Protein backbone atom coordinates (compact mmCIF):
# COMPACT_ATOMS: atom_id res chain seq x y z
CA GLN A 1 166.93 160.58 36.79
CA VAL A 2 163.45 159.71 35.57
CA GLN A 3 160.36 160.78 37.46
CA LEU A 4 157.13 158.93 36.81
CA VAL A 5 153.65 160.00 37.83
CA GLU A 6 150.71 157.63 37.54
CA SER A 7 147.07 158.60 37.31
CA GLY A 8 143.74 157.15 36.32
CA GLY A 9 143.08 154.78 39.17
CA GLY A 10 139.77 154.57 40.94
CA LEU A 11 136.84 152.42 41.98
CA VAL A 12 135.23 150.29 39.31
CA GLN A 13 132.75 147.43 39.28
CA PRO A 14 133.73 143.96 38.11
CA GLY A 15 133.68 143.84 34.34
CA GLY A 16 134.44 147.52 34.07
CA SER A 17 137.39 149.33 32.50
CA LEU A 18 140.02 151.84 33.50
CA ARG A 19 142.94 153.42 31.70
CA LEU A 20 146.00 154.19 33.73
CA SER A 21 148.44 156.83 32.59
CA CYS A 22 152.10 157.31 33.43
CA ALA A 23 153.74 160.65 32.74
CA ALA A 24 157.53 160.67 32.48
CA SER A 25 159.72 163.68 33.25
CA VAL A 26 162.06 162.91 30.38
CA SER A 27 161.76 161.80 26.82
CA ILE A 28 160.84 158.14 26.77
CA SER A 29 161.76 157.62 23.15
CA SER A 30 165.12 156.24 24.23
CA ILE A 31 163.77 154.21 27.15
CA ASN A 32 163.49 150.75 25.71
CA ILE A 33 161.67 149.07 28.59
CA MET A 34 158.57 150.49 30.21
CA ALA A 35 156.42 148.39 32.46
CA TRP A 36 153.51 148.28 34.86
CA TYR A 37 153.55 146.48 38.18
CA ARG A 38 150.98 146.11 40.91
CA GLN A 39 150.88 145.34 44.59
CA ALA A 40 147.81 144.02 46.32
CA PRO A 41 147.35 144.33 50.10
CA GLY A 42 149.50 141.82 51.92
CA LYS A 43 151.18 140.63 48.73
CA GLU A 44 154.45 141.29 46.99
CA ARG A 45 154.71 143.61 44.05
CA GLU A 46 154.24 141.74 40.78
CA TRP A 47 154.93 142.47 37.17
CA VAL A 48 151.83 143.06 35.01
CA ALA A 49 152.91 144.19 31.56
CA GLN A 50 155.92 145.48 29.71
CA MET A 51 156.71 147.11 26.41
CA ILE A 52 160.18 146.63 24.91
CA SER A 53 161.58 148.93 22.26
CA GLY A 54 158.18 150.46 21.67
CA SER A 55 156.70 147.40 20.04
CA THR A 56 157.14 144.08 21.82
CA THR A 57 154.63 143.58 24.60
CA ASN A 58 154.44 140.96 27.29
CA TYR A 59 151.77 140.30 29.90
CA ARG A 60 151.38 138.16 32.94
CA ASN A 61 149.00 135.31 32.19
CA SER A 62 146.23 136.54 34.44
CA VAL A 63 145.80 139.78 32.46
CA LYS A 64 146.39 138.55 28.92
CA GLY A 65 143.55 139.52 26.63
CA ARG A 66 142.23 142.06 29.14
CA PHE A 67 145.06 144.57 29.59
CA THR A 68 146.95 146.50 26.94
CA ILE A 69 150.13 148.50 27.44
CA SER A 70 150.91 151.31 25.06
CA ARG A 71 153.09 154.38 24.85
CA ASP A 72 153.07 157.79 23.22
CA ASN A 73 156.65 158.94 22.82
CA ALA A 74 155.60 162.40 21.66
CA LYS A 75 153.80 162.97 24.96
CA ASN A 76 156.21 160.96 27.12
CA MET A 77 153.29 158.87 28.30
CA VAL A 78 152.73 155.20 28.95
CA TYR A 79 149.27 153.72 29.34
CA LEU A 80 147.64 150.61 30.68
CA GLN A 81 144.17 149.95 29.34
CA MET A 82 142.40 147.53 31.65
CA ASN A 83 139.20 145.86 30.53
CA SER A 84 137.00 143.17 32.06
CA LEU A 85 138.37 144.00 35.48
CA LYS A 86 138.13 141.40 38.20
CA LEU A 87 138.11 141.62 41.97
CA GLU A 88 141.63 140.20 42.03
CA ASP A 89 142.91 143.12 39.96
CA THR A 90 142.55 145.34 43.00
CA ALA A 91 145.98 146.75 43.81
CA VAL A 92 148.20 149.78 43.70
CA TYR A 93 149.56 150.01 40.17
CA TYR A 94 153.06 151.32 39.53
CA CYS A 95 154.79 152.53 36.42
CA ASN A 96 158.38 151.45 35.94
CA ALA A 97 161.15 152.51 33.59
CA LEU A 98 164.28 150.50 32.86
CA ASP A 99 163.61 148.24 35.87
CA ARG A 100 164.96 151.09 37.90
CA TYR A 101 162.61 154.07 38.23
CA TRP A 102 159.23 153.94 39.93
CA GLY A 103 156.22 156.15 40.22
CA GLN A 104 154.27 156.64 43.43
CA GLY A 105 151.44 154.37 42.34
CA THR A 106 147.74 154.72 41.70
CA GLN A 107 145.05 152.74 43.49
CA VAL A 108 142.72 150.52 41.51
CA THR A 109 139.81 149.03 43.41
CA VAL A 110 137.46 146.57 41.77
CA SER A 111 134.38 146.07 43.88
CA SER A 112 130.66 145.62 43.52
């Protein structure tokens, strides 16, 4: 069982930045797939970014060049650095491990 707790969400103006954090209850060094998803009001949850085997990263097209996923195995943490935020990035962001375990989510609101 893996418990995930997200933090770092908040209200930010367009063009601003936020860094989301995901704390895992177990060592993530052996978890080869960590990912971030998001769900906007009235929409389905969608994949945002993933890190495979601690090195390979993939991003949905709409966030490429703006978001960066990273991990710190020593701290059992996964991060999502979000820059140049847009109104359409507003959503609840979820951390995911192994396509199986989910955190409770953290709200990101981009508004002027």
